[in-house]
Amino acid sequence: MGVLFSRLFSTLFGKGEIRILILGLDNAGKTTLLYKLQLNQVIETVPTIGFNVETVNYNNLQLQVWDLGGQGTIRPYWRCYYPNTNAVIYVIDSTDVDRMDTAKQEMITMLQESDLKGVPLLVFANKQDMPGALSEVQVSQMLGLSLIKNRQWRIVKASAKLGEGISEGLDWLIALLRDS
């Protein structure tokens, strides 16, 4: 039975791990999301300089999740991590209206990279537990998501701290990857 599952898994996902990048501006909640997935708890984080990478077991799948720093000086180096990526999770701070245009520009730049051609995009409209958080519809409009025609995408309202919305988004992403 184990051999059959291994073969089926290899057929579906190649080497056995699904490579996911978590991207977004600094302070969007990327690292909080990563460790909520990894440890199922919230840990105190500091700004990520460089990256964090963890193997996350989710629904009997192994996800290799890369959380890349989001400071302006680090964002140009995101492209070094694009090859062999199966999916991108883009995390938005739904309370940071002032930087929504910057988040949009960074997302557009990232999606234009040839190494990410056709790679599915999951957008978490994070920090929904905070006062003044924009709705997922508002975030979608501000990011221009409806204009994305060259890949599958979805936006999900979330709170990485509370763990809300994470399963909904990941379940969609995993189902999409299985079907492709």
N, C-alpha and C. Protein backbone atom coordinates (compact mmCIF):
# COMPACT_ATOMS: atom_id res chain seq x y z
N MET A 1 0.82 -1.19 0.00
CA MET A 1 0.00 0.00 0.00
C MET A 1 0.87 1.26 0.00
N GLY A 2 1.93 1.26 0.80
CA GLY A 2 2.83 2.41 0.87
C GLY A 2 3.51 2.68 -0.46
N VAL A 3 3.90 1.63 -1.17
CA VAL A 3 4.54 1.79 -2.47
C VAL A 3 3.57 2.39 -3.47
N LEU A 4 2.32 1.93 -3.43
CA LEU A 4 1.30 2.47 -4.32
C LEU A 4 1.10 3.96 -4.07
N PHE A 5 0.98 4.35 -2.80
CA PHE A 5 0.81 5.76 -2.47
C PHE A 5 2.02 6.57 -2.92
N SER A 6 3.23 6.05 -2.70
CA SER A 6 4.45 6.76 -3.12
C SER A 6 4.46 6.99 -4.62
N ARG A 7 4.07 5.98 -5.38
CA ARG A 7 4.05 6.13 -6.83
C ARG A 7 3.00 7.15 -7.27
N LEU A 8 1.82 7.06 -6.66
CA LEU A 8 0.77 8.01 -6.97
C LEU A 8 1.21 9.43 -6.62
N PHE A 9 1.81 9.60 -5.46
CA PHE A 9 2.29 10.91 -5.01
C PHE A 9 3.35 11.43 -5.97
N SER A 10 4.28 10.55 -6.36
CA SER A 10 5.34 10.97 -7.29
C SER A 10 4.76 11.38 -8.63
N THR A 11 3.74 10.66 -9.08
CA THR A 11 3.11 11.01 -10.34
C THR A 11 2.45 12.38 -10.25
N LEU A 12 1.79 12.64 -9.12
CA LEU A 12 1.10 13.91 -8.96
C LEU A 12 2.04 15.08 -8.75
N PHE A 13 3.10 14.86 -7.97
CA PHE A 13 3.94 15.98 -7.54
C PHE A 13 5.43 15.79 -7.79
N GLY A 14 5.82 14.93 -8.69
CA GLY A 14 7.23 14.82 -9.02
C GLY A 14 8.07 14.31 -7.88
N LYS A 15 8.94 15.15 -7.34
CA LYS A 15 9.92 14.75 -6.34
C LYS A 15 9.32 14.54 -4.96
N GLY A 16 8.04 14.78 -4.79
CA GLY A 16 7.43 14.52 -3.50
C GLY A 16 7.22 15.74 -2.63
N GLU A 17 7.78 16.86 -2.99
CA GLU A 17 7.55 18.08 -2.24
C GLU A 17 6.98 19.13 -3.17
N ILE A 18 6.07 19.90 -2.63
CA ILE A 18 5.49 21.01 -3.36
C ILE A 18 6.19 22.27 -2.87
N ARG A 19 6.78 22.99 -3.80
CA ARG A 19 7.54 24.20 -3.44
C ARG A 19 6.63 25.42 -3.53
N ILE A 20 6.46 26.11 -2.40
CA ILE A 20 5.59 27.27 -2.31
C ILE A 20 6.40 28.46 -1.80
N LEU A 21 6.26 29.59 -2.47
CA LEU A 21 6.86 30.84 -1.99
C LEU A 21 5.80 31.66 -1.29
N ILE A 22 6.14 32.21 -0.13
CA ILE A 22 5.29 33.18 0.55
C ILE A 22 5.94 34.54 0.37
N LEU A 23 5.25 35.43 -0.35
CA LEU A 23 5.77 36.75 -0.65
C LEU A 23 4.81 37.82 -0.19
N GLY A 24 5.30 39.03 -0.09
CA GLY A 24 4.49 40.18 0.31
C GLY A 24 5.39 41.22 0.94
N LEU A 25 4.85 42.39 1.16
CA LEU A 25 5.62 43.45 1.78
C LEU A 25 5.98 43.09 3.22
N ASP A 26 6.97 43.78 3.75
CA ASP A 26 7.35 43.59 5.14
C ASP A 26 6.14 43.89 6.04
N ASN A 27 6.04 43.17 7.12
CA ASN A 27 4.99 43.33 8.12
C ASN A 27 3.60 42.90 7.62
N ALA A 28 3.54 42.10 6.57
CA ALA A 28 2.25 41.62 6.07
C ALA A 28 1.76 40.41 6.85
N GLY A 29 2.69 39.69 7.50
CA GLY A 29 2.32 38.50 8.27
C GLY A 29 2.81 37.20 7.66
N LYS A 30 3.80 37.28 6.77
CA LYS A 30 4.30 36.09 6.09
C LYS A 30 4.91 35.07 7.06
N THR A 31 5.76 35.55 7.95
CA THR A 31 6.44 34.64 8.88
C THR A 31 5.45 34.10 9.91
N THR A 32 4.52 34.92 10.34
CA THR A 32 3.48 34.44 11.25
C THR A 32 2.69 33.31 10.58
N LEU A 33 2.35 33.49 9.31
CA LEU A 33 1.65 32.46 8.55
C LEU A 33 2.47 31.18 8.47
N LEU A 34 3.75 31.31 8.14
CA LEU A 34 4.62 30.14 8.02
C LEU A 34 4.64 29.33 9.31
N TYR A 35 4.84 30.00 10.43
CA TYR A 35 4.97 29.26 11.69
C TYR A 35 3.62 28.83 12.24
N LYS A 36 2.55 29.46 11.82
CA LYS A 36 1.22 28.95 12.16
C LYS A 36 1.01 27.62 11.42
N LEU A 37 1.46 27.55 10.17
CA LEU A 37 1.39 26.31 9.40
C LEU A 37 2.30 25.23 10.00
N GLN A 38 3.52 25.61 10.32
CA GLN A 38 4.53 24.66 10.78
C GLN A 38 4.25 24.15 12.20
N LEU A 39 3.97 25.06 13.11
CA LEU A 39 3.88 24.72 14.53
C LEU A 39 2.46 24.80 15.09
N ASN A 40 1.54 25.33 14.28
CA ASN A 40 0.17 25.59 14.71
C ASN A 40 0.11 26.50 15.94
N GLN A 41 1.02 27.43 15.99
CA GLN A 41 1.01 28.43 17.05
C GLN A 41 1.63 29.72 16.54
N VAL A 42 1.34 30.79 17.24
CA VAL A 42 1.90 32.08 16.89
C VAL A 42 3.16 32.28 17.72
N ILE A 43 4.24 32.64 17.05
CA ILE A 43 5.48 32.93 17.76
C ILE A 43 5.86 34.38 17.49
N GLU A 44 6.59 34.95 18.41
CA GLU A 44 7.09 36.32 18.20
C GLU A 44 8.09 36.28 17.06
N THR A 45 7.93 37.17 16.11
CA THR A 45 8.83 37.20 14.96
C THR A 45 9.53 38.54 14.89
N VAL A 46 10.62 38.55 14.17
CA VAL A 46 11.35 39.78 13.86
C VAL A 46 11.35 39.89 12.34
N PRO A 47 11.59 41.07 11.80
CA PRO A 47 11.62 41.19 10.34
C PRO A 47 12.60 40.18 9.72
N THR A 48 12.13 39.52 8.68
CA THR A 48 12.93 38.50 8.01
C THR A 48 13.95 39.17 7.10
N ILE A 49 15.20 38.93 7.38
CA ILE A 49 16.28 39.39 6.51
C ILE A 49 16.76 38.14 5.79
N GLY A 50 16.45 38.06 4.51
CA GLY A 50 16.75 36.84 3.77
C GLY A 50 15.50 36.00 3.64
N PHE A 51 15.53 34.80 4.23
CA PHE A 51 14.38 33.91 4.09
C PHE A 51 14.30 32.94 5.26
N ASN A 52 13.13 32.36 5.41
CA ASN A 52 12.90 31.22 6.29
C ASN A 52 12.37 30.12 5.39
N VAL A 53 12.79 28.91 5.61
CA VAL A 53 12.25 27.79 4.84
C VAL A 53 11.91 26.67 5.82
N GLU A 54 10.74 26.11 5.64
CA GLU A 54 10.27 25.03 6.50
C GLU A 54 9.56 24.00 5.64
N THR A 55 9.65 22.75 6.06
CA THR A 55 8.85 21.70 5.46
C THR A 55 7.61 21.56 6.32
N VAL A 56 6.48 21.71 5.68
CA VAL A 56 5.19 21.67 6.36
C VAL A 56 4.41 20.48 5.85
N ASN A 57 3.93 19.66 6.76
CA ASN A 57 3.05 18.55 6.38
C ASN A 57 1.63 19.06 6.45
N TYR A 58 0.94 19.00 5.32
CA TYR A 58 -0.43 19.50 5.24
C TYR A 58 -1.26 18.49 4.45
N ASN A 59 -2.27 17.95 5.08
CA ASN A 59 -3.14 16.96 4.44
C ASN A 59 -2.34 15.84 3.76
N ASN A 60 -1.40 15.29 4.49
CA ASN A 60 -0.56 14.19 4.02
C ASN A 60 0.34 14.57 2.85
N LEU A 61 0.59 15.84 2.67
CA LEU A 61 1.52 16.31 1.64
C LEU A 61 2.66 17.05 2.30
N GLN A 62 3.82 16.97 1.66
CA GLN A 62 4.97 17.71 2.14
C GLN A 62 5.11 18.99 1.32
N LEU A 63 5.00 20.12 2.01
CA LEU A 63 5.15 21.41 1.38
C LEU A 63 6.49 22.02 1.80
N GLN A 64 7.28 22.40 0.84
CA GLN A 64 8.51 23.13 1.13
C GLN A 64 8.16 24.61 0.98
N VAL A 65 8.03 25.29 2.12
CA VAL A 65 7.50 26.65 2.13
C VAL A 65 8.63 27.63 2.40
N TRP A 66 8.80 28.56 1.47
CA TRP A 66 9.84 29.59 1.54
C TRP A 66 9.19 30.92 1.85
N ASP A 67 9.55 31.51 2.97
CA ASP A 67 9.07 32.82 3.40
C ASP A 67 10.21 33.80 3.13
N LEU A 68 10.00 34.67 2.14
CA LEU A 68 11.05 35.61 1.75
C LEU A 68 10.80 36.98 2.37
N GLY A 69 11.86 37.60 2.85
CA GLY A 69 11.77 38.93 3.45
C GLY A 69 11.12 39.92 2.49
N GLY A 70 10.37 40.87 3.05
CA GLY A 70 9.61 41.79 2.22
C GLY A 70 10.08 43.24 2.23
N GLN A 71 11.22 43.52 2.87
CA GLN A 71 11.72 44.89 2.87
C GLN A 71 12.09 45.30 1.44
N GLY A 72 12.00 46.59 1.19
CA GLY A 72 12.27 47.11 -0.15
C GLY A 72 13.62 46.73 -0.71
N THR A 73 14.64 46.65 0.14
CA THR A 73 15.98 46.30 -0.33
C THR A 73 16.12 44.82 -0.65
N ILE A 74 15.22 43.99 -0.14
CA ILE A 74 15.29 42.54 -0.34
C ILE A 74 14.44 42.10 -1.53
N ARG A 75 13.36 42.79 -1.83
CA ARG A 75 12.42 42.36 -2.87
C ARG A 75 13.06 42.08 -4.23
N PRO A 76 14.07 42.84 -4.67
CA PRO A 76 14.68 42.52 -5.96
C PRO A 76 15.30 41.12 -6.01
N TYR A 77 15.61 40.55 -4.85
CA TYR A 77 16.23 39.22 -4.80
C TYR A 77 15.21 38.09 -4.78
N TRP A 78 13.92 38.42 -4.71
CA TRP A 78 12.90 37.38 -4.75
C TRP A 78 13.08 36.50 -5.98
N ARG A 79 13.45 37.12 -7.11
CA ARG A 79 13.54 36.37 -8.36
C ARG A 79 14.53 35.21 -8.31
N CYS A 80 15.48 35.27 -7.39
CA CYS A 80 16.43 34.17 -7.25
C CYS A 80 15.76 32.88 -6.78
N TYR A 81 14.57 33.00 -6.19
CA TYR A 81 13.86 31.85 -5.62
C TYR A 81 12.73 31.36 -6.52
N TYR A 82 12.48 31.99 -7.65
CA TYR A 82 11.36 31.63 -8.51
C TYR A 82 11.48 30.29 -9.22
N PRO A 83 12.67 29.87 -9.68
CA PRO A 83 12.72 28.60 -10.42
C PRO A 83 12.18 27.43 -9.59
N ASN A 84 11.47 26.55 -10.27
CA ASN A 84 10.91 25.32 -9.69
C ASN A 84 9.84 25.56 -8.64
N THR A 85 9.21 26.71 -8.67
CA THR A 85 8.13 27.02 -7.73
C THR A 85 6.82 26.48 -8.28
N ASN A 86 6.05 25.81 -7.41
CA ASN A 86 4.76 25.25 -7.80
C ASN A 86 3.60 26.22 -7.54
N ALA A 87 3.75 27.11 -6.56
CA ALA A 87 2.68 28.05 -6.21
C ALA A 87 3.25 29.23 -5.44
N VAL A 88 2.53 30.35 -5.52
CA VAL A 88 2.90 31.55 -4.77
C VAL A 88 1.74 31.92 -3.86
N ILE A 89 2.08 32.18 -2.60
CA ILE A 89 1.13 32.76 -1.65
C ILE A 89 1.59 34.20 -1.44
N TYR A 90 0.71 35.14 -1.76
CA TYR A 90 1.02 36.56 -1.61
C TYR A 90 0.20 37.08 -0.44
N VAL A 91 0.88 37.58 0.58
CA VAL A 91 0.23 38.00 1.81
C VAL A 91 0.13 39.53 1.82
N ILE A 92 -1.07 40.01 2.08
CA ILE A 92 -1.36 41.43 2.12
C ILE A 92 -1.78 41.81 3.53
N ASP A 93 -1.24 42.90 4.04
CA ASP A 93 -1.71 43.48 5.29
C ASP A 93 -2.95 44.30 4.94
N SER A 94 -4.11 43.78 5.28
CA SER A 94 -5.38 44.42 4.91
C SER A 94 -5.63 45.73 5.63
N THR A 95 -4.79 46.06 6.62
CA THR A 95 -4.95 47.34 7.33
C THR A 95 -4.02 48.41 6.77
N ASP A 96 -3.09 48.04 5.91
CA ASP A 96 -2.07 48.96 5.41
C ASP A 96 -2.47 49.56 4.06
N VAL A 97 -3.50 50.40 4.09
CA VAL A 97 -4.02 51.00 2.87
C VAL A 97 -2.96 51.85 2.17
N ASP A 98 -2.12 52.52 2.93
CA ASP A 98 -1.11 53.42 2.36
C ASP A 98 -0.11 52.70 1.46
N ARG A 99 0.12 51.41 1.70
CA ARG A 99 1.12 50.69 0.90
C ARG A 99 0.49 49.71 -0.08
N MET A 100 -0.82 49.80 -0.29
CA MET A 100 -1.49 48.87 -1.20
C MET A 100 -0.98 49.04 -2.63
N ASP A 101 -0.69 50.27 -3.05
CA ASP A 101 -0.15 50.47 -4.41
C ASP A 101 1.22 49.81 -4.55
N THR A 102 2.05 49.91 -3.51
CA THR A 102 3.36 49.25 -3.55
C THR A 102 3.19 47.74 -3.61
N ALA A 103 2.26 47.21 -2.81
CA ALA A 103 2.00 45.77 -2.83
C ALA A 103 1.54 45.33 -4.22
N LYS A 104 0.71 46.14 -4.85
CA LYS A 104 0.23 45.83 -6.21
C LYS A 104 1.38 45.81 -7.21
N GLN A 105 2.24 46.84 -7.16
CA GLN A 105 3.36 46.91 -8.10
C GLN A 105 4.32 45.73 -7.93
N GLU A 106 4.61 45.38 -6.69
CA GLU A 106 5.50 44.24 -6.43
C GLU A 106 4.88 42.94 -6.93
N MET A 107 3.58 42.80 -6.74
CA MET A 107 2.89 41.60 -7.20
C MET A 107 2.93 41.51 -8.73
N ILE A 108 2.64 42.62 -9.39
CA ILE A 108 2.65 42.64 -10.85
C ILE A 108 4.04 42.30 -11.38
N THR A 109 5.05 42.91 -10.79
CA THR A 109 6.44 42.64 -11.20
C THR A 109 6.76 41.16 -11.05
N MET A 110 6.38 40.59 -9.92
CA MET A 110 6.64 39.18 -9.65
C MET A 110 5.92 38.28 -10.66
N LEU A 111 4.67 38.59 -10.94
CA LEU A 111 3.88 37.74 -11.84
C LEU A 111 4.36 37.80 -13.29
N GLN A 112 5.12 38.81 -13.64
CA GLN A 112 5.64 38.93 -15.01
C GLN A 112 6.89 38.10 -15.25
N GLU A 113 7.45 37.53 -14.21
CA GLU A 113 8.68 36.75 -14.33
C GLU A 113 8.41 35.43 -15.06
N SER A 114 9.26 35.10 -16.01
CA SER A 114 9.05 33.87 -16.80
C SER A 114 9.12 32.60 -15.95
N ASP A 115 9.92 32.60 -14.89
CA ASP A 115 10.01 31.41 -14.03
C ASP A 115 8.70 31.13 -13.29
N LEU A 116 7.80 32.12 -13.24
CA LEU A 116 6.53 31.93 -12.55
C LEU A 116 5.35 31.87 -13.52
N LYS A 117 5.65 31.70 -14.80
CA LYS A 117 4.60 31.65 -15.81
C LYS A 117 3.59 30.54 -15.48
N GLY A 118 2.34 30.93 -15.34
CA GLY A 118 1.27 29.97 -15.09
C GLY A 118 1.18 29.44 -13.67
N VAL A 119 2.09 29.84 -12.80
CA VAL A 119 2.08 29.35 -11.41
C VAL A 119 0.87 29.95 -10.69
N PRO A 120 0.08 29.11 -10.00
CA PRO A 120 -1.10 29.63 -9.31
C PRO A 120 -0.74 30.61 -8.20
N LEU A 121 -1.67 31.55 -7.95
CA LEU A 121 -1.47 32.60 -6.97
C LEU A 121 -2.60 32.55 -5.95
N LEU A 122 -2.22 32.42 -4.69
CA LEU A 122 -3.16 32.52 -3.58
C LEU A 122 -2.84 33.80 -2.83
N VAL A 123 -3.81 34.69 -2.72
CA VAL A 123 -3.62 35.94 -1.99
C VAL A 123 -4.37 35.84 -0.67
N PHE A 124 -3.64 36.03 0.42
CA PHE A 124 -4.27 36.10 1.72
C PHE A 124 -4.44 37.58 2.08
N ALA A 125 -5.69 38.01 2.23
CA ALA A 125 -5.99 39.35 2.74
C ALA A 125 -5.91 39.22 4.26
N ASN A 126 -4.70 39.35 4.78
CA ASN A 126 -4.37 39.05 6.17
C ASN A 126 -4.79 40.19 7.11
N LYS A 127 -4.76 39.88 8.38
CA LYS A 127 -5.05 40.79 9.49
C LYS A 127 -6.52 41.21 9.53
N GLN A 128 -7.39 40.28 9.14
CA GLN A 128 -8.82 40.53 9.18
C GLN A 128 -9.34 40.69 10.61
N ASP A 129 -8.54 40.29 11.58
CA ASP A 129 -8.92 40.42 12.99
C ASP A 129 -8.66 41.84 13.53
N MET A 130 -8.07 42.69 12.72
CA MET A 130 -7.69 44.04 13.16
C MET A 130 -8.77 45.06 12.74
N PRO A 131 -8.96 46.09 13.57
CA PRO A 131 -9.91 47.14 13.19
C PRO A 131 -9.47 47.83 11.90
N GLY A 132 -10.45 48.15 11.06
CA GLY A 132 -10.15 48.88 9.82
C GLY A 132 -9.62 48.02 8.69
N ALA A 133 -9.63 46.70 8.86
CA ALA A 133 -9.14 45.83 7.79
C ALA A 133 -10.06 45.92 6.57
N LEU A 134 -9.44 46.04 5.40
CA LEU A 134 -10.21 46.05 4.16
C LEU A 134 -10.77 44.65 3.92
N SER A 135 -11.91 44.58 3.27
CA SER A 135 -12.48 43.27 2.91
C SER A 135 -11.67 42.63 1.79
N GLU A 136 -11.91 41.37 1.55
CA GLU A 136 -11.19 40.71 0.46
C GLU A 136 -11.59 41.31 -0.88
N VAL A 137 -12.82 41.77 -1.02
CA VAL A 137 -13.25 42.42 -2.26
C VAL A 137 -12.48 43.73 -2.46
N GLN A 138 -12.34 44.51 -1.40
CA GLN A 138 -11.61 45.78 -1.50
C GLN A 138 -10.13 45.53 -1.84
N VAL A 139 -9.53 44.55 -1.18
CA VAL A 139 -8.12 44.22 -1.45
C VAL A 139 -7.99 43.76 -2.90
N SER A 140 -8.89 42.91 -3.34
CA SER A 140 -8.85 42.41 -4.72
C SER A 140 -8.93 43.56 -5.72
N GLN A 141 -9.81 44.51 -5.47
CA GLN A 141 -9.94 45.66 -6.37
C GLN A 141 -8.67 46.51 -6.36
N MET A 142 -8.12 46.75 -5.18
CA MET A 142 -6.92 47.59 -5.08
C MET A 142 -5.70 46.93 -5.73
N LEU A 143 -5.66 45.61 -5.72
CA LEU A 143 -4.56 44.89 -6.36
C LEU A 143 -4.80 44.64 -7.85
N GLY A 144 -6.01 44.86 -8.31
CA GLY A 144 -6.34 44.60 -9.72
C GLY A 144 -6.35 43.12 -10.05
N LEU A 145 -6.76 42.29 -9.12
CA LEU A 145 -6.72 40.84 -9.36
C LEU A 145 -7.59 40.40 -10.52
N SER A 146 -8.70 41.10 -10.76
CA SER A 146 -9.59 40.69 -11.85
C SER A 146 -8.93 40.82 -13.22
N LEU A 147 -7.82 41.56 -13.30
CA LEU A 147 -7.10 41.72 -14.56
C LEU A 147 -6.15 40.57 -14.85
N ILE A 148 -5.93 39.69 -13.86
CA ILE A 148 -5.02 38.56 -14.04
C ILE A 148 -5.73 37.47 -14.82
N LYS A 149 -5.27 37.22 -16.03
CA LYS A 149 -5.92 36.25 -16.92
C LYS A 149 -5.01 35.07 -17.28
N ASN A 150 -3.73 35.14 -16.88
CA ASN A 150 -2.77 34.14 -17.33
C ASN A 150 -2.44 33.08 -16.28
N ARG A 151 -3.26 32.98 -15.24
CA ARG A 151 -3.02 31.98 -14.20
C ARG A 151 -4.26 31.86 -13.33
N GLN A 152 -4.33 30.77 -12.60
CA GLN A 152 -5.38 30.60 -11.61
C GLN A 152 -5.02 31.42 -10.38
N TRP A 153 -5.99 32.11 -9.80
CA TRP A 153 -5.74 32.87 -8.59
C TRP A 153 -6.99 32.87 -7.72
N ARG A 154 -6.77 33.13 -6.46
CA ARG A 154 -7.86 33.24 -5.50
C ARG A 154 -7.42 34.15 -4.37
N ILE A 155 -8.36 34.91 -3.84
CA ILE A 155 -8.10 35.73 -2.66
C ILE A 155 -8.96 35.19 -1.52
N VAL A 156 -8.37 35.11 -0.34
CA VAL A 156 -9.06 34.59 0.84
C VAL A 156 -8.78 35.53 2.01
N LYS A 157 -9.82 35.93 2.70
CA LYS A 157 -9.61 36.75 3.90
C LYS A 157 -9.04 35.83 4.98
N ALA A 158 -8.09 36.38 5.75
CA ALA A 158 -7.37 35.54 6.70
C ALA A 158 -6.90 36.34 7.91
N SER A 159 -6.61 35.59 8.94
CA SER A 159 -5.90 36.10 10.10
C SER A 159 -4.86 35.05 10.45
N ALA A 160 -3.61 35.32 10.11
CA ALA A 160 -2.56 34.34 10.40
C ALA A 160 -2.44 34.10 11.90
N LYS A 161 -2.63 35.14 12.68
CA LYS A 161 -2.53 34.98 14.14
C LYS A 161 -3.59 34.05 14.69
N LEU A 162 -4.81 34.17 14.18
CA LEU A 162 -5.90 33.33 14.66
C LEU A 162 -6.03 32.02 13.88
N GLY A 163 -5.34 31.93 12.76
CA GLY A 163 -5.41 30.73 11.93
C GLY A 163 -6.63 30.70 11.02
N GLU A 164 -7.33 31.80 10.92
CA GLU A 164 -8.56 31.84 10.12
C GLU A 164 -8.25 32.04 8.64
N GLY A 165 -8.94 31.27 7.80
CA GLY A 165 -8.80 31.39 6.35
C GLY A 165 -7.66 30.59 5.76
N ILE A 166 -6.72 30.16 6.58
CA ILE A 166 -5.52 29.48 6.07
C ILE A 166 -5.89 28.15 5.41
N SER A 167 -6.67 27.34 6.10
CA SER A 167 -7.06 26.04 5.54
C SER A 167 -7.86 26.21 4.26
N GLU A 168 -8.78 27.17 4.26
CA GLU A 168 -9.58 27.41 3.06
C GLU A 168 -8.69 27.71 1.85
N GLY A 169 -7.72 28.60 2.04
CA GLY A 169 -6.81 28.94 0.95
C GLY A 169 -5.93 27.78 0.53
N LEU A 170 -5.34 27.11 1.48
CA LEU A 170 -4.44 25.99 1.15
C LEU A 170 -5.19 24.83 0.52
N ASP A 171 -6.40 24.56 0.98
CA ASP A 171 -7.19 23.48 0.37
C ASP A 171 -7.44 23.77 -1.10
N TRP A 172 -7.77 25.03 -1.43
CA TRP A 172 -7.96 25.41 -2.83
C TRP A 172 -6.67 25.21 -3.62
N LEU A 173 -5.56 25.67 -3.05
CA LEU A 173 -4.28 25.59 -3.74
C LEU A 173 -3.87 24.15 -4.00
N ILE A 174 -3.98 23.31 -2.98
CA ILE A 174 -3.61 21.90 -3.13
C ILE A 174 -4.51 21.21 -4.15
N ALA A 175 -5.81 21.46 -4.11
CA ALA A 175 -6.72 20.86 -5.08
C ALA A 175 -6.36 21.29 -6.50
N LEU A 176 -6.01 22.56 -6.65
CA LEU A 176 -5.62 23.08 -7.96
C LEU A 176 -4.34 22.39 -8.46
N LEU A 177 -3.36 22.23 -7.59
CA LEU A 177 -2.11 21.59 -7.98
C LEU A 177 -2.32 20.12 -8.31
N ARG A 178 -3.20 19.46 -7.59
CA ARG A 178 -3.50 18.04 -7.88
C ARG A 178 -4.16 17.89 -9.23
N ASP A 179 -5.01 18.84 -9.58
CA ASP A 179 -5.75 18.74 -10.84
C ASP A 179 -4.92 19.11 -12.06
N SER A 180 -3.79 19.78 -11.84
CA SER A 180 -2.98 20.22 -13.00
C SER A 180 -1.96 19.20 -13.41
